[in-house]
N, C-alpha and C. Protein backbone atom coordinates (compact mmCIF):
# COMPACT_ATOMS: atom_id res chain seq x y z
N MET A 1 39.88 71.10 138.48
CA MET A 1 40.86 72.15 138.20
C MET A 1 41.81 71.67 137.10
N THR A 2 41.94 72.44 136.10
CA THR A 2 42.83 72.06 134.99
C THR A 2 44.10 72.89 135.03
N THR A 3 45.14 72.23 134.74
CA THR A 3 46.43 72.93 134.70
C THR A 3 46.92 73.01 133.27
N THR A 4 47.45 74.14 132.94
CA THR A 4 47.98 74.32 131.57
C THR A 4 49.49 74.20 131.60
N THR A 5 49.99 73.47 130.68
CA THR A 5 51.45 73.31 130.59
C THR A 5 51.96 74.12 129.41
N THR A 6 53.00 74.81 129.66
CA THR A 6 53.60 75.64 128.61
C THR A 6 54.79 74.89 128.01
N THR A 7 54.77 74.83 126.72
CA THR A 7 55.88 74.18 126.01
C THR A 7 57.06 75.13 125.92
N PRO A 8 58.21 74.71 126.43
CA PRO A 8 59.37 75.61 126.37
C PRO A 8 59.74 75.94 124.93
N SER A 9 60.02 77.19 124.71
CA SER A 9 60.39 77.60 123.36
C SER A 9 61.78 77.09 123.01
N ILE A 10 61.90 76.59 121.82
CA ILE A 10 63.20 76.08 121.36
C ILE A 10 63.96 77.22 120.68
N PRO A 11 65.14 77.52 121.20
CA PRO A 11 65.90 78.62 120.58
C PRO A 11 66.29 78.27 119.17
N SER A 12 66.38 79.28 118.35
CA SER A 12 66.80 79.06 116.97
C SER A 12 68.26 78.64 116.94
N PRO A 13 68.65 77.87 115.93
CA PRO A 13 70.05 77.42 115.84
C PRO A 13 71.02 78.59 115.80
N LEU A 14 72.15 78.39 116.44
CA LEU A 14 73.18 79.43 116.47
C LEU A 14 74.02 79.36 115.20
N LYS A 15 74.46 80.51 114.77
CA LYS A 15 75.31 80.60 113.58
C LYS A 15 76.62 81.26 113.97
N ALA A 16 77.71 80.68 113.55
CA ALA A 16 79.03 81.18 113.92
C ALA A 16 79.47 82.29 112.98
N VAL A 17 80.24 83.24 113.52
CA VAL A 17 80.93 84.21 112.69
C VAL A 17 82.19 83.53 112.18
N THR A 18 82.28 83.35 110.89
CA THR A 18 83.34 82.51 110.31
C THR A 18 84.64 83.26 110.03
N LEU A 19 84.75 84.51 110.49
CA LEU A 19 85.94 85.30 110.20
C LEU A 19 87.20 84.61 110.72
N THR A 20 87.17 84.12 111.95
CA THR A 20 88.32 83.44 112.53
C THR A 20 87.95 82.04 113.01
N HIS A 21 86.91 81.47 112.48
CA HIS A 21 86.40 80.16 112.91
C HIS A 21 87.12 79.08 112.12
N VAL A 22 88.30 78.67 112.60
CA VAL A 22 89.09 77.66 111.92
C VAL A 22 89.43 76.54 112.90
N ARG A 23 89.08 75.31 112.55
CA ARG A 23 89.34 74.17 113.41
C ARG A 23 90.25 73.16 112.72
N TYR A 24 90.99 72.38 113.55
CA TYR A 24 91.86 71.34 113.04
C TYR A 24 91.88 70.21 114.06
N GLN A 25 92.34 69.04 113.64
CA GLN A 25 92.41 67.88 114.52
C GLN A 25 93.48 68.09 115.59
N ARG A 26 93.11 67.84 116.84
CA ARG A 26 94.07 67.96 117.94
C ARG A 26 95.29 67.07 117.69
N GLY A 27 96.46 67.63 117.86
CA GLY A 27 97.69 66.89 117.65
C GLY A 27 98.21 66.90 116.23
N ASP A 28 97.45 67.45 115.30
CA ASP A 28 97.86 67.52 113.90
C ASP A 28 98.65 68.80 113.68
N ARG A 29 99.96 68.68 113.62
CA ARG A 29 100.81 69.87 113.49
C ARG A 29 100.64 70.56 112.15
N LEU A 30 100.52 69.74 111.09
CA LEU A 30 100.29 70.33 109.77
C LEU A 30 98.95 71.05 109.75
N GLY A 31 97.92 70.42 110.34
CA GLY A 31 96.61 71.07 110.42
C GLY A 31 96.67 72.36 111.20
N HIS A 32 97.46 72.37 112.29
CA HIS A 32 97.62 73.59 113.09
C HIS A 32 98.25 74.70 112.26
N PHE A 33 99.29 74.33 111.51
CA PHE A 33 99.95 75.31 110.64
C PHE A 33 98.99 75.84 109.58
N LEU A 34 98.26 74.93 108.94
CA LEU A 34 97.34 75.33 107.88
C LEU A 34 96.15 76.13 108.42
N ALA A 35 95.78 75.89 109.68
CA ALA A 35 94.72 76.69 110.29
C ALA A 35 95.15 78.16 110.39
N TRP A 36 96.42 78.37 110.73
CA TRP A 36 96.94 79.74 110.78
C TRP A 36 97.04 80.32 109.36
N ILE A 37 97.40 79.49 108.40
CA ILE A 37 97.45 79.95 107.01
C ILE A 37 96.07 80.43 106.57
N SER A 38 95.01 79.73 107.02
CA SER A 38 93.64 80.11 106.65
C SER A 38 93.26 81.48 107.19
N LEU A 39 94.01 81.95 108.18
CA LEU A 39 93.72 83.26 108.77
C LEU A 39 94.48 84.39 108.08
N VAL A 40 95.30 84.06 107.10
CA VAL A 40 96.08 85.09 106.39
C VAL A 40 95.19 86.19 105.81
N PRO A 41 94.03 85.87 105.17
CA PRO A 41 93.16 86.95 104.67
C PRO A 41 92.74 87.94 105.76
N VAL A 42 92.52 87.44 106.98
CA VAL A 42 92.16 88.32 108.09
C VAL A 42 93.33 89.24 108.44
N PHE A 43 94.54 88.67 108.48
CA PHE A 43 95.72 89.47 108.79
C PHE A 43 95.96 90.53 107.72
N ILE A 44 95.77 90.15 106.46
CA ILE A 44 95.96 91.11 105.36
C ILE A 44 94.96 92.26 105.48
N SER A 45 93.71 91.92 105.75
CA SER A 45 92.66 92.94 105.81
C SER A 45 92.86 93.88 106.99
N LEU A 46 93.02 93.29 108.19
CA LEU A 46 93.10 94.11 109.39
C LEU A 46 94.49 94.71 109.58
N GLY A 47 95.51 93.88 109.47
CA GLY A 47 96.86 94.37 109.70
C GLY A 47 97.47 95.07 108.51
N GLY A 48 97.05 94.67 107.30
CA GLY A 48 97.65 95.24 106.10
C GLY A 48 96.97 96.49 105.60
N PHE A 49 95.71 96.35 105.16
CA PHE A 49 95.06 97.48 104.50
C PHE A 49 94.63 98.58 105.47
N ILE A 50 94.21 98.21 106.67
CA ILE A 50 93.83 99.25 107.63
C ILE A 50 95.05 100.06 108.04
N SER A 51 96.16 99.36 108.35
CA SER A 51 97.38 100.09 108.70
C SER A 51 97.92 100.86 107.50
N HIS A 52 97.73 100.31 106.29
CA HIS A 52 98.16 101.02 105.09
C HIS A 52 97.42 102.34 104.95
N PHE A 53 96.11 102.32 105.19
CA PHE A 53 95.36 103.57 105.06
C PHE A 53 95.76 104.57 106.15
N ILE A 54 95.99 104.07 107.36
CA ILE A 54 96.35 104.96 108.47
C ILE A 54 97.69 105.63 108.21
N PHE A 55 98.68 104.86 107.74
CA PHE A 55 100.04 105.37 107.65
C PHE A 55 100.46 105.79 106.24
N ARG A 56 99.84 105.19 105.19
CA ARG A 56 100.30 105.48 103.84
C ARG A 56 99.30 106.31 103.04
N ARG A 57 98.04 105.87 103.02
CA ARG A 57 96.96 106.57 102.32
C ARG A 57 97.22 106.72 100.82
N GLU A 58 97.71 105.63 100.24
CA GLU A 58 97.98 105.59 98.81
C GLU A 58 96.70 105.20 98.07
N LEU A 59 96.43 105.86 96.96
CA LEU A 59 95.22 105.56 96.20
C LEU A 59 95.25 104.15 95.62
N GLN A 60 96.42 103.69 95.20
CA GLN A 60 96.52 102.31 94.69
C GLN A 60 96.11 101.32 95.78
N GLY A 61 96.59 101.53 96.98
CA GLY A 61 96.25 100.65 98.09
C GLY A 61 94.78 100.73 98.47
N ILE A 62 94.23 101.92 98.42
CA ILE A 62 92.81 102.11 98.76
C ILE A 62 91.92 101.38 97.76
N PHE A 63 92.21 101.55 96.46
CA PHE A 63 91.39 100.87 95.45
C PHE A 63 91.66 99.36 95.43
N PHE A 64 92.85 98.96 95.80
CA PHE A 64 93.17 97.54 95.98
C PHE A 64 92.23 96.92 97.01
N SER A 65 92.12 97.58 98.18
CA SER A 65 91.27 97.07 99.25
C SER A 65 89.79 97.12 98.86
N ILE A 66 89.38 98.16 98.13
CA ILE A 66 87.99 98.24 97.66
C ILE A 66 87.68 97.05 96.75
N GLY A 67 88.64 96.71 95.88
CA GLY A 67 88.45 95.56 94.99
C GLY A 67 88.28 94.26 95.76
N LEU A 68 89.05 94.07 96.82
CA LEU A 68 88.91 92.87 97.64
C LEU A 68 87.54 92.80 98.31
N ILE A 69 87.05 93.95 98.76
CA ILE A 69 85.72 93.99 99.39
C ILE A 69 84.64 93.65 98.37
N VAL A 70 84.74 94.25 97.18
CA VAL A 70 83.78 93.95 96.11
C VAL A 70 83.82 92.48 95.75
N SER A 71 85.03 91.92 95.69
CA SER A 71 85.20 90.50 95.36
C SER A 71 84.49 89.62 96.38
N GLN A 72 84.59 89.96 97.65
CA GLN A 72 83.93 89.15 98.68
C GLN A 72 82.41 89.28 98.62
N PHE A 73 81.91 90.45 98.25
CA PHE A 73 80.47 90.61 98.06
C PHE A 73 79.98 89.73 96.91
N ILE A 74 80.76 89.70 95.83
CA ILE A 74 80.42 88.85 94.69
C ILE A 74 80.41 87.39 95.12
N ASN A 75 81.39 87.02 95.94
CA ASN A 75 81.46 85.65 96.43
C ASN A 75 80.20 85.27 97.22
N GLU A 76 79.75 86.18 98.09
CA GLU A 76 78.55 85.90 98.89
C GLU A 76 77.31 85.77 98.01
N ILE A 77 77.23 86.62 97.00
CA ILE A 77 76.08 86.56 96.07
C ILE A 77 76.04 85.22 95.35
N ILE A 78 77.22 84.77 94.87
CA ILE A 78 77.29 83.49 94.16
C ILE A 78 76.95 82.34 95.11
N LYS A 79 77.52 82.36 96.31
CA LYS A 79 77.25 81.30 97.27
C LYS A 79 75.76 81.21 97.59
N THR A 80 75.13 82.36 97.80
CA THR A 80 73.70 82.38 98.12
C THR A 80 72.86 81.89 96.95
N SER A 81 73.31 82.18 95.73
CA SER A 81 72.56 81.76 94.54
C SER A 81 72.73 80.27 94.26
N VAL A 82 73.96 79.79 94.33
CA VAL A 82 74.24 78.39 94.01
C VAL A 82 73.85 77.45 95.15
N GLN A 83 74.17 77.88 96.39
CA GLN A 83 73.83 77.12 97.60
C GLN A 83 74.37 75.69 97.56
N GLN A 84 75.63 75.56 97.19
CA GLN A 84 76.27 74.24 97.19
C GLN A 84 76.80 73.94 98.58
N SER A 85 76.48 72.76 99.09
CA SER A 85 76.87 72.37 100.45
C SER A 85 78.37 72.16 100.55
N ARG A 86 78.87 72.30 101.76
CA ARG A 86 80.26 71.97 102.04
C ARG A 86 80.40 70.45 102.13
N PRO A 87 81.64 69.94 102.19
CA PRO A 87 81.81 68.49 102.34
C PRO A 87 81.24 67.98 103.66
N GLU A 88 81.14 66.66 103.82
CA GLU A 88 80.51 66.08 105.00
C GLU A 88 81.22 66.43 106.29
N THR A 89 82.48 66.80 106.20
CA THR A 89 83.24 67.18 107.40
C THR A 89 82.73 68.48 108.02
N CYS A 90 81.82 69.16 107.35
CA CYS A 90 81.29 70.42 107.87
C CYS A 90 80.59 70.22 109.22
N ALA A 91 80.09 69.01 109.48
CA ALA A 91 79.40 68.75 110.74
C ALA A 91 80.37 68.87 111.91
N LEU A 92 81.57 68.32 111.76
CA LEU A 92 82.58 68.42 112.81
C LEU A 92 83.08 69.85 112.96
N LEU A 93 83.09 70.59 111.86
CA LEU A 93 83.60 71.96 111.87
C LEU A 93 82.53 72.98 112.21
N GLU A 94 81.28 72.53 112.37
CA GLU A 94 80.14 73.41 112.66
C GLU A 94 79.98 74.48 111.58
N MET A 95 80.09 74.03 110.32
CA MET A 95 80.02 74.96 109.20
C MET A 95 78.94 74.58 108.20
N CYS A 96 78.07 73.64 108.56
CA CYS A 96 77.06 73.16 107.62
C CYS A 96 75.98 74.20 107.33
N ASP A 97 75.93 75.26 108.13
CA ASP A 97 74.92 76.29 107.90
C ASP A 97 75.37 77.31 106.87
N SER A 98 76.54 77.14 106.29
CA SER A 98 77.03 78.06 105.26
C SER A 98 77.37 77.27 104.00
N HIS A 99 77.39 77.97 102.88
CA HIS A 99 77.62 77.33 101.59
C HIS A 99 79.10 77.34 101.23
N GLY A 100 79.48 76.44 100.31
CA GLY A 100 80.91 76.25 100.06
C GLY A 100 81.43 76.64 98.70
N TRP A 101 80.53 76.91 97.72
CA TRP A 101 81.02 77.18 96.36
C TRP A 101 80.71 78.61 95.94
N PRO A 102 81.74 79.38 95.60
CA PRO A 102 83.17 79.07 95.59
C PRO A 102 83.81 79.42 96.94
N SER A 103 85.02 78.94 97.17
CA SER A 103 85.73 79.23 98.42
C SER A 103 86.09 80.70 98.50
N SER A 104 85.62 81.37 99.55
CA SER A 104 85.92 82.80 99.70
C SER A 104 87.38 83.04 100.07
N HIS A 105 87.98 82.11 100.84
CA HIS A 105 89.38 82.26 101.21
C HIS A 105 90.27 82.22 99.97
N CYS A 106 90.00 81.24 99.09
CA CYS A 106 90.81 81.12 97.86
C CYS A 106 90.58 82.32 96.95
N GLN A 107 89.34 82.74 96.85
CA GLN A 107 89.04 83.89 96.00
C GLN A 107 89.77 85.13 96.50
N TYR A 108 89.78 85.33 97.81
CA TYR A 108 90.46 86.48 98.41
C TYR A 108 91.96 86.43 98.12
N MET A 109 92.59 85.29 98.44
CA MET A 109 94.04 85.20 98.33
C MET A 109 94.53 85.27 96.89
N PHE A 110 93.79 84.68 95.95
CA PHE A 110 94.24 84.72 94.56
C PHE A 110 93.92 86.06 93.90
N PHE A 111 92.88 86.75 94.36
CA PHE A 111 92.67 88.14 93.94
C PHE A 111 93.86 88.97 94.41
N PHE A 112 94.22 88.81 95.69
CA PHE A 112 95.33 89.56 96.28
C PHE A 112 96.63 89.28 95.54
N ALA A 113 96.95 88.02 95.29
CA ALA A 113 98.19 87.66 94.62
C ALA A 113 98.23 88.19 93.19
N THR A 114 97.11 88.09 92.49
CA THR A 114 97.05 88.55 91.09
C THR A 114 97.25 90.06 91.01
N TYR A 115 96.51 90.80 91.82
CA TYR A 115 96.59 92.26 91.78
C TYR A 115 98.00 92.73 92.18
N LEU A 116 98.56 92.13 93.25
CA LEU A 116 99.87 92.55 93.73
C LEU A 116 100.95 92.24 92.69
N THR A 117 100.83 91.11 92.02
CA THR A 117 101.80 90.75 90.98
C THR A 117 101.74 91.72 89.81
N LEU A 118 100.54 92.09 89.42
CA LEU A 118 100.38 93.05 88.32
C LEU A 118 100.92 94.42 88.69
N LEU A 119 100.73 94.81 89.95
CA LEU A 119 101.30 96.07 90.43
C LEU A 119 102.83 96.04 90.32
N ALA A 120 103.41 94.93 90.79
CA ALA A 120 104.86 94.82 90.77
C ALA A 120 105.41 94.77 89.35
N SER A 121 104.69 94.09 88.45
CA SER A 121 105.16 93.96 87.07
C SER A 121 105.17 95.30 86.34
N LYS A 122 104.28 96.20 86.75
CA LYS A 122 104.25 97.54 86.13
C LYS A 122 105.14 98.53 86.87
N GLY A 123 105.72 98.07 88.00
CA GLY A 123 106.57 98.97 88.77
C GLY A 123 105.80 100.09 89.44
N ILE A 124 104.52 99.85 89.76
CA ILE A 124 103.70 100.88 90.38
C ILE A 124 103.91 100.87 91.88
N GLY A 125 104.59 101.87 92.38
CA GLY A 125 104.80 101.99 93.81
C GLY A 125 106.04 101.26 94.30
N PHE A 126 106.47 100.22 93.62
CA PHE A 126 107.68 99.49 93.99
C PHE A 126 108.14 98.69 92.78
N SER A 127 109.42 98.36 92.79
CA SER A 127 109.96 97.62 91.65
C SER A 127 109.53 96.16 91.71
N SER A 128 109.62 95.50 90.56
CA SER A 128 109.27 94.09 90.49
C SER A 128 110.16 93.29 91.42
N ASN A 129 109.53 92.43 92.25
CA ASN A 129 110.26 91.71 93.28
C ASN A 129 109.89 90.24 93.20
N ILE A 130 110.83 89.40 92.77
CA ILE A 130 110.57 87.97 92.61
C ILE A 130 110.27 87.33 93.96
N VAL A 131 111.01 87.71 94.98
CA VAL A 131 110.82 87.13 96.31
C VAL A 131 109.42 87.46 96.84
N LEU A 132 108.98 88.70 96.65
CA LEU A 132 107.64 89.10 97.09
C LEU A 132 106.56 88.31 96.37
N ASN A 133 106.70 88.17 95.05
CA ASN A 133 105.72 87.40 94.28
C ASN A 133 105.70 85.94 94.69
N LEU A 134 106.88 85.36 94.89
CA LEU A 134 106.96 83.96 95.30
C LEU A 134 106.30 83.75 96.66
N PHE A 135 106.53 84.67 97.59
CA PHE A 135 105.94 84.58 98.92
C PHE A 135 104.42 84.71 98.85
N THR A 136 103.94 85.67 98.06
CA THR A 136 102.50 85.91 97.94
C THR A 136 101.78 84.72 97.34
N TRP A 137 102.32 84.18 96.24
CA TRP A 137 101.67 83.04 95.59
C TRP A 137 101.78 81.78 96.43
N SER A 138 102.86 81.64 97.19
CA SER A 138 102.99 80.50 98.09
C SER A 138 101.89 80.53 99.15
N LEU A 139 101.63 81.71 99.70
CA LEU A 139 100.54 81.84 100.68
C LEU A 139 99.19 81.52 100.06
N ALA A 140 99.01 81.95 98.81
CA ALA A 140 97.74 81.69 98.12
C ALA A 140 97.52 80.19 97.93
N PHE A 141 98.55 79.49 97.46
CA PHE A 141 98.40 78.05 97.22
C PHE A 141 98.30 77.27 98.53
N LEU A 142 99.01 77.74 99.57
CA LEU A 142 98.87 77.10 100.88
C LEU A 142 97.46 77.28 101.43
N THR A 143 96.88 78.45 101.22
CA THR A 143 95.50 78.69 101.64
C THR A 143 94.55 77.76 100.90
N MET A 144 94.78 77.62 99.60
CA MET A 144 93.97 76.72 98.78
C MET A 144 94.04 75.29 99.33
N TYR A 145 95.24 74.83 99.62
CA TYR A 145 95.43 73.47 100.13
C TYR A 145 94.80 73.32 101.52
N SER A 146 94.94 74.35 102.36
CA SER A 146 94.45 74.28 103.73
C SER A 146 92.94 74.10 103.80
N ARG A 147 92.22 74.72 102.88
CA ARG A 147 90.76 74.66 102.94
C ARG A 147 90.24 73.25 102.64
N VAL A 148 90.98 72.52 101.78
CA VAL A 148 90.62 71.12 101.51
C VAL A 148 91.11 70.21 102.64
N TYR A 149 92.35 70.42 103.05
CA TYR A 149 92.95 69.58 104.09
C TYR A 149 92.16 69.65 105.40
N LEU A 150 91.71 70.83 105.78
CA LEU A 150 90.98 71.01 107.03
C LEU A 150 89.51 70.60 106.91
N GLY A 151 89.06 70.33 105.69
CA GLY A 151 87.71 69.84 105.49
C GLY A 151 86.64 70.88 105.28
N TYR A 152 87.05 72.12 104.99
CA TYR A 152 86.06 73.19 104.81
C TYR A 152 85.49 73.23 103.41
N HIS A 153 86.24 72.71 102.43
CA HIS A 153 85.82 72.79 101.04
C HIS A 153 86.20 71.53 100.29
N THR A 154 85.52 71.32 99.18
CA THR A 154 85.92 70.28 98.24
C THR A 154 86.97 70.86 97.29
N VAL A 155 87.59 69.98 96.51
CA VAL A 155 88.58 70.43 95.52
C VAL A 155 87.93 71.36 94.50
N ALA A 156 86.73 71.01 94.06
CA ALA A 156 86.03 71.84 93.07
C ALA A 156 85.73 73.24 93.63
N GLN A 157 85.41 73.32 94.90
CA GLN A 157 85.08 74.61 95.50
C GLN A 157 86.30 75.52 95.61
N VAL A 158 87.46 74.95 95.94
CA VAL A 158 88.66 75.80 96.03
C VAL A 158 89.15 76.20 94.64
N PHE A 159 89.00 75.32 93.65
CA PHE A 159 89.39 75.69 92.29
C PHE A 159 88.48 76.78 91.73
N ALA A 160 87.20 76.72 92.10
CA ALA A 160 86.27 77.78 91.66
C ALA A 160 86.65 79.11 92.27
N GLY A 161 86.97 79.11 93.57
CA GLY A 161 87.38 80.34 94.23
C GLY A 161 88.68 80.88 93.68
N THR A 162 89.61 79.97 93.36
CA THR A 162 90.90 80.37 92.78
C THR A 162 90.72 81.03 91.43
N ALA A 163 89.95 80.39 90.56
CA ALA A 163 89.73 80.93 89.21
C ALA A 163 89.03 82.28 89.27
N LEU A 164 88.04 82.39 90.13
CA LEU A 164 87.30 83.65 90.24
C LEU A 164 88.18 84.75 90.82
N GLY A 165 89.04 84.39 91.79
CA GLY A 165 89.94 85.38 92.38
C GLY A 165 90.93 85.92 91.36
N VAL A 166 91.51 85.04 90.56
CA VAL A 166 92.47 85.47 89.52
C VAL A 166 91.76 86.36 88.50
N PHE A 167 90.58 85.95 88.08
CA PHE A 167 89.83 86.70 87.08
C PHE A 167 89.45 88.09 87.60
N LEU A 168 88.87 88.15 88.79
CA LEU A 168 88.43 89.43 89.34
C LEU A 168 89.63 90.33 89.67
N GLY A 169 90.72 89.73 90.13
CA GLY A 169 91.93 90.52 90.41
C GLY A 169 92.46 91.19 89.17
N ALA A 170 92.51 90.45 88.06
CA ALA A 170 93.00 91.01 86.80
C ALA A 170 92.05 92.07 86.24
N VAL A 171 90.75 91.79 86.32
CA VAL A 171 89.76 92.75 85.81
C VAL A 171 89.79 94.03 86.62
N TRP A 172 89.85 93.90 87.95
CA TRP A 172 89.86 95.10 88.80
C TRP A 172 91.13 95.91 88.60
N PHE A 173 92.26 95.23 88.40
CA PHE A 173 93.50 95.95 88.13
C PHE A 173 93.37 96.77 86.85
N TRP A 174 92.77 96.16 85.82
CA TRP A 174 92.60 96.88 84.56
C TRP A 174 91.66 98.08 84.75
N ILE A 175 90.58 97.90 85.49
CA ILE A 175 89.64 99.00 85.73
C ILE A 175 90.32 100.15 86.46
N VAL A 176 91.06 99.81 87.52
CA VAL A 176 91.71 100.85 88.34
C VAL A 176 92.76 101.60 87.53
N ASN A 177 93.58 100.87 86.79
CA ASN A 177 94.72 101.50 86.14
C ASN A 177 94.47 101.97 84.71
N ASN A 178 93.25 101.76 84.20
CA ASN A 178 92.91 102.28 82.88
C ASN A 178 91.70 103.22 82.90
N ILE A 179 90.75 102.95 83.76
CA ILE A 179 89.55 103.79 83.81
C ILE A 179 89.60 104.79 84.96
N LEU A 180 90.02 104.32 86.15
CA LEU A 180 90.00 105.19 87.33
C LEU A 180 91.28 106.00 87.49
N PHE A 181 92.39 105.50 86.97
CA PHE A 181 93.68 106.16 87.17
C PHE A 181 93.71 107.62 86.73
N PRO A 182 93.10 108.01 85.61
CA PRO A 182 93.11 109.43 85.22
C PRO A 182 92.44 110.35 86.24
N PHE A 183 91.61 109.80 87.12
CA PHE A 183 90.93 110.62 88.13
C PHE A 183 91.74 110.74 89.43
N PHE A 184 92.88 110.06 89.52
CA PHE A 184 93.68 110.11 90.74
C PHE A 184 94.10 111.53 91.12
N PRO A 185 94.59 112.35 90.16
CA PRO A 185 94.96 113.73 90.53
C PRO A 185 93.78 114.52 91.10
N ALA A 186 92.59 114.32 90.53
CA ALA A 186 91.40 115.02 91.03
C ALA A 186 91.05 114.58 92.44
N ILE A 187 91.22 113.28 92.71
CA ILE A 187 90.95 112.78 94.07
C ILE A 187 91.96 113.37 95.05
N GLU A 188 93.21 113.46 94.62
CA GLU A 188 94.24 114.07 95.48
C GLU A 188 93.89 115.51 95.84
N GLU A 189 93.38 116.27 94.87
CA GLU A 189 93.09 117.68 95.08
C GLU A 189 91.68 117.92 95.65
N SER A 190 90.90 116.87 95.82
CA SER A 190 89.55 117.03 96.36
C SER A 190 89.58 117.33 97.85
N ILE A 191 88.42 117.70 98.40
CA ILE A 191 88.31 117.96 99.84
C ILE A 191 88.69 116.70 100.62
N PHE A 192 88.20 115.55 100.15
CA PHE A 192 88.51 114.27 100.80
C PHE A 192 90.01 114.01 100.78
N GLY A 193 90.63 114.20 99.61
CA GLY A 193 92.05 113.94 99.47
C GLY A 193 92.90 114.84 100.35
N ARG A 194 92.55 116.12 100.39
CA ARG A 194 93.31 117.06 101.20
C ARG A 194 93.08 116.84 102.70
N TRP A 195 91.86 116.49 103.07
CA TRP A 195 91.53 116.31 104.48
C TRP A 195 92.24 115.08 105.06
N PHE A 196 92.28 114.00 104.27
CA PHE A 196 92.87 112.75 104.76
C PHE A 196 94.28 112.52 104.23
N TYR A 197 94.87 113.51 103.54
CA TYR A 197 96.23 113.40 103.00
C TYR A 197 96.37 112.19 102.07
N VAL A 198 95.34 111.98 101.25
CA VAL A 198 95.38 110.88 100.28
C VAL A 198 96.30 111.27 99.12
N LYS A 199 97.13 110.34 98.69
CA LYS A 199 98.10 110.67 97.64
C LYS A 199 98.25 109.51 96.67
N ASP A 200 98.89 109.82 95.54
CA ASP A 200 99.19 108.82 94.53
C ASP A 200 100.66 108.90 94.19
N THR A 201 101.38 107.80 94.38
CA THR A 201 102.81 107.77 94.05
C THR A 201 103.07 106.76 92.92
N SER A 202 102.06 106.53 92.09
CA SER A 202 102.21 105.56 91.00
C SER A 202 103.30 105.96 90.02
N HIS A 203 103.56 107.26 89.93
CA HIS A 203 104.56 107.73 88.98
C HIS A 203 105.98 107.53 89.49
N ILE A 204 106.13 107.09 90.75
CA ILE A 204 107.44 106.86 91.34
C ILE A 204 107.72 105.36 91.30
N SER A 205 108.81 104.98 90.63
CA SER A 205 109.08 103.55 90.43
C SER A 205 109.43 102.83 91.72
N ASN A 206 110.15 103.50 92.62
CA ASN A 206 110.54 102.89 93.89
C ASN A 206 110.26 103.88 95.02
N VAL A 207 109.09 103.76 95.62
CA VAL A 207 108.67 104.71 96.65
C VAL A 207 109.57 104.64 97.87
N LEU A 208 109.97 103.44 98.25
CA LEU A 208 110.81 103.28 99.44
C LEU A 208 112.13 104.02 99.28
N LYS A 209 112.76 103.87 98.11
CA LYS A 209 114.02 104.57 97.85
C LYS A 209 113.80 106.07 97.77
N PHE A 210 112.70 106.49 97.13
CA PHE A 210 112.40 107.91 96.99
C PHE A 210 112.22 108.57 98.37
N GLU A 211 111.44 107.93 99.23
CA GLU A 211 111.19 108.51 100.56
C GLU A 211 112.46 108.50 101.41
N TYR A 212 113.26 107.46 101.24
CA TYR A 212 114.53 107.39 101.96
C TYR A 212 115.45 108.55 101.58
N GLU A 213 115.57 108.79 100.27
CA GLU A 213 116.44 109.86 99.80
C GLU A 213 115.89 111.23 100.18
N GLN A 214 114.55 111.38 100.12
CA GLN A 214 113.95 112.65 100.50
C GLN A 214 114.16 112.94 101.98
N ALA A 215 114.00 111.91 102.81
CA ALA A 215 114.20 112.09 104.26
C ALA A 215 115.64 112.48 104.57
N ARG A 216 116.58 111.85 103.89
CA ARG A 216 118.00 112.19 104.10
C ARG A 216 118.29 113.61 103.64
N ALA A 217 117.72 113.99 102.49
CA ALA A 217 117.96 115.33 101.96
C ALA A 217 117.42 116.40 102.90
N VAL A 218 116.23 116.18 103.44
CA VAL A 218 115.63 117.16 104.37
C VAL A 218 116.45 117.24 105.65
N ARG A 219 116.91 116.07 106.16
CA ARG A 219 117.72 116.08 107.39
C ARG A 219 119.03 116.83 107.17
N LYS A 220 119.67 116.61 106.01
CA LYS A 220 120.92 117.31 105.72
C LYS A 220 120.69 118.81 105.59
N LYS A 221 119.57 119.19 104.99
CA LYS A 221 119.25 120.61 104.84
C LYS A 221 119.01 121.25 106.20
N MET A 222 118.31 120.55 107.08
CA MET A 222 118.06 121.07 108.43
C MET A 222 119.35 121.23 109.20
N ALA A 223 120.27 120.26 109.03
CA ALA A 223 121.58 120.34 109.72
C ALA A 223 122.39 121.50 109.17
N SER A 224 122.30 121.69 107.83
CA SER A 224 123.04 122.79 107.22
C SER A 224 122.50 124.15 107.65
N ASP A 225 121.15 124.24 107.73
CA ASP A 225 120.53 125.50 108.15
C ASP A 225 120.85 125.83 109.59
N SER A 226 120.92 124.83 110.45
CA SER A 226 121.22 125.07 111.86
C SER A 226 122.64 125.54 112.05
N LYS A 227 123.56 125.02 111.21
CA LYS A 227 124.95 125.45 111.29
C LYS A 227 125.11 126.89 110.82
N SER A 228 124.37 127.24 109.77
CA SER A 228 124.47 128.61 109.23
C SER A 228 123.91 129.63 110.20
N ASP A 229 122.92 129.22 111.03
CA ASP A 229 122.36 130.13 112.03
C ASP A 229 123.36 130.37 113.15
């Protein structure tokens, strides 16, 4: 009588979703801080642009977010084409199954900082704000530093992501505000624009002040009308 032995199947290697996959050395306070800094792109995407569309629905903000998405697709295409490995620390971080050049975190943050700075410099939607620009660029450079400090990227990989982010941010800003901008009124008046209350306030230098004054004017008018009744 012969017995057959079955060889147990070996499961394929697991791959992590790297959206929030950030590790640091236990007890390293700076590493802990920088790990949270590395999550800033996630907070911007989920907390910033999604809430912006829900509550604001500004065309500048919508095309801003579209540019960031396109930028990340370009990053993935380049990474897949170049296939440059991450530093040796990737083994401890369980990130060796993904490529490192260019850094997507740096590309995202420097695209964001570049586009936002150009918006502020033109006074589109809000006035130029030195504090806002300083805060934005500080986050971008901290993100750049964090990716090397935590061992996710080499210096060359973060510089590549930084350069590409600045370049794509500037190019996309030019495309939106020179090629697409003339179509903003048509988008506002389209079925999509009317259905979702999409609007463009690029012609208003300080939207916050404008909305504040409009809200006060309407409230005063309502109070005046109620008294006259």
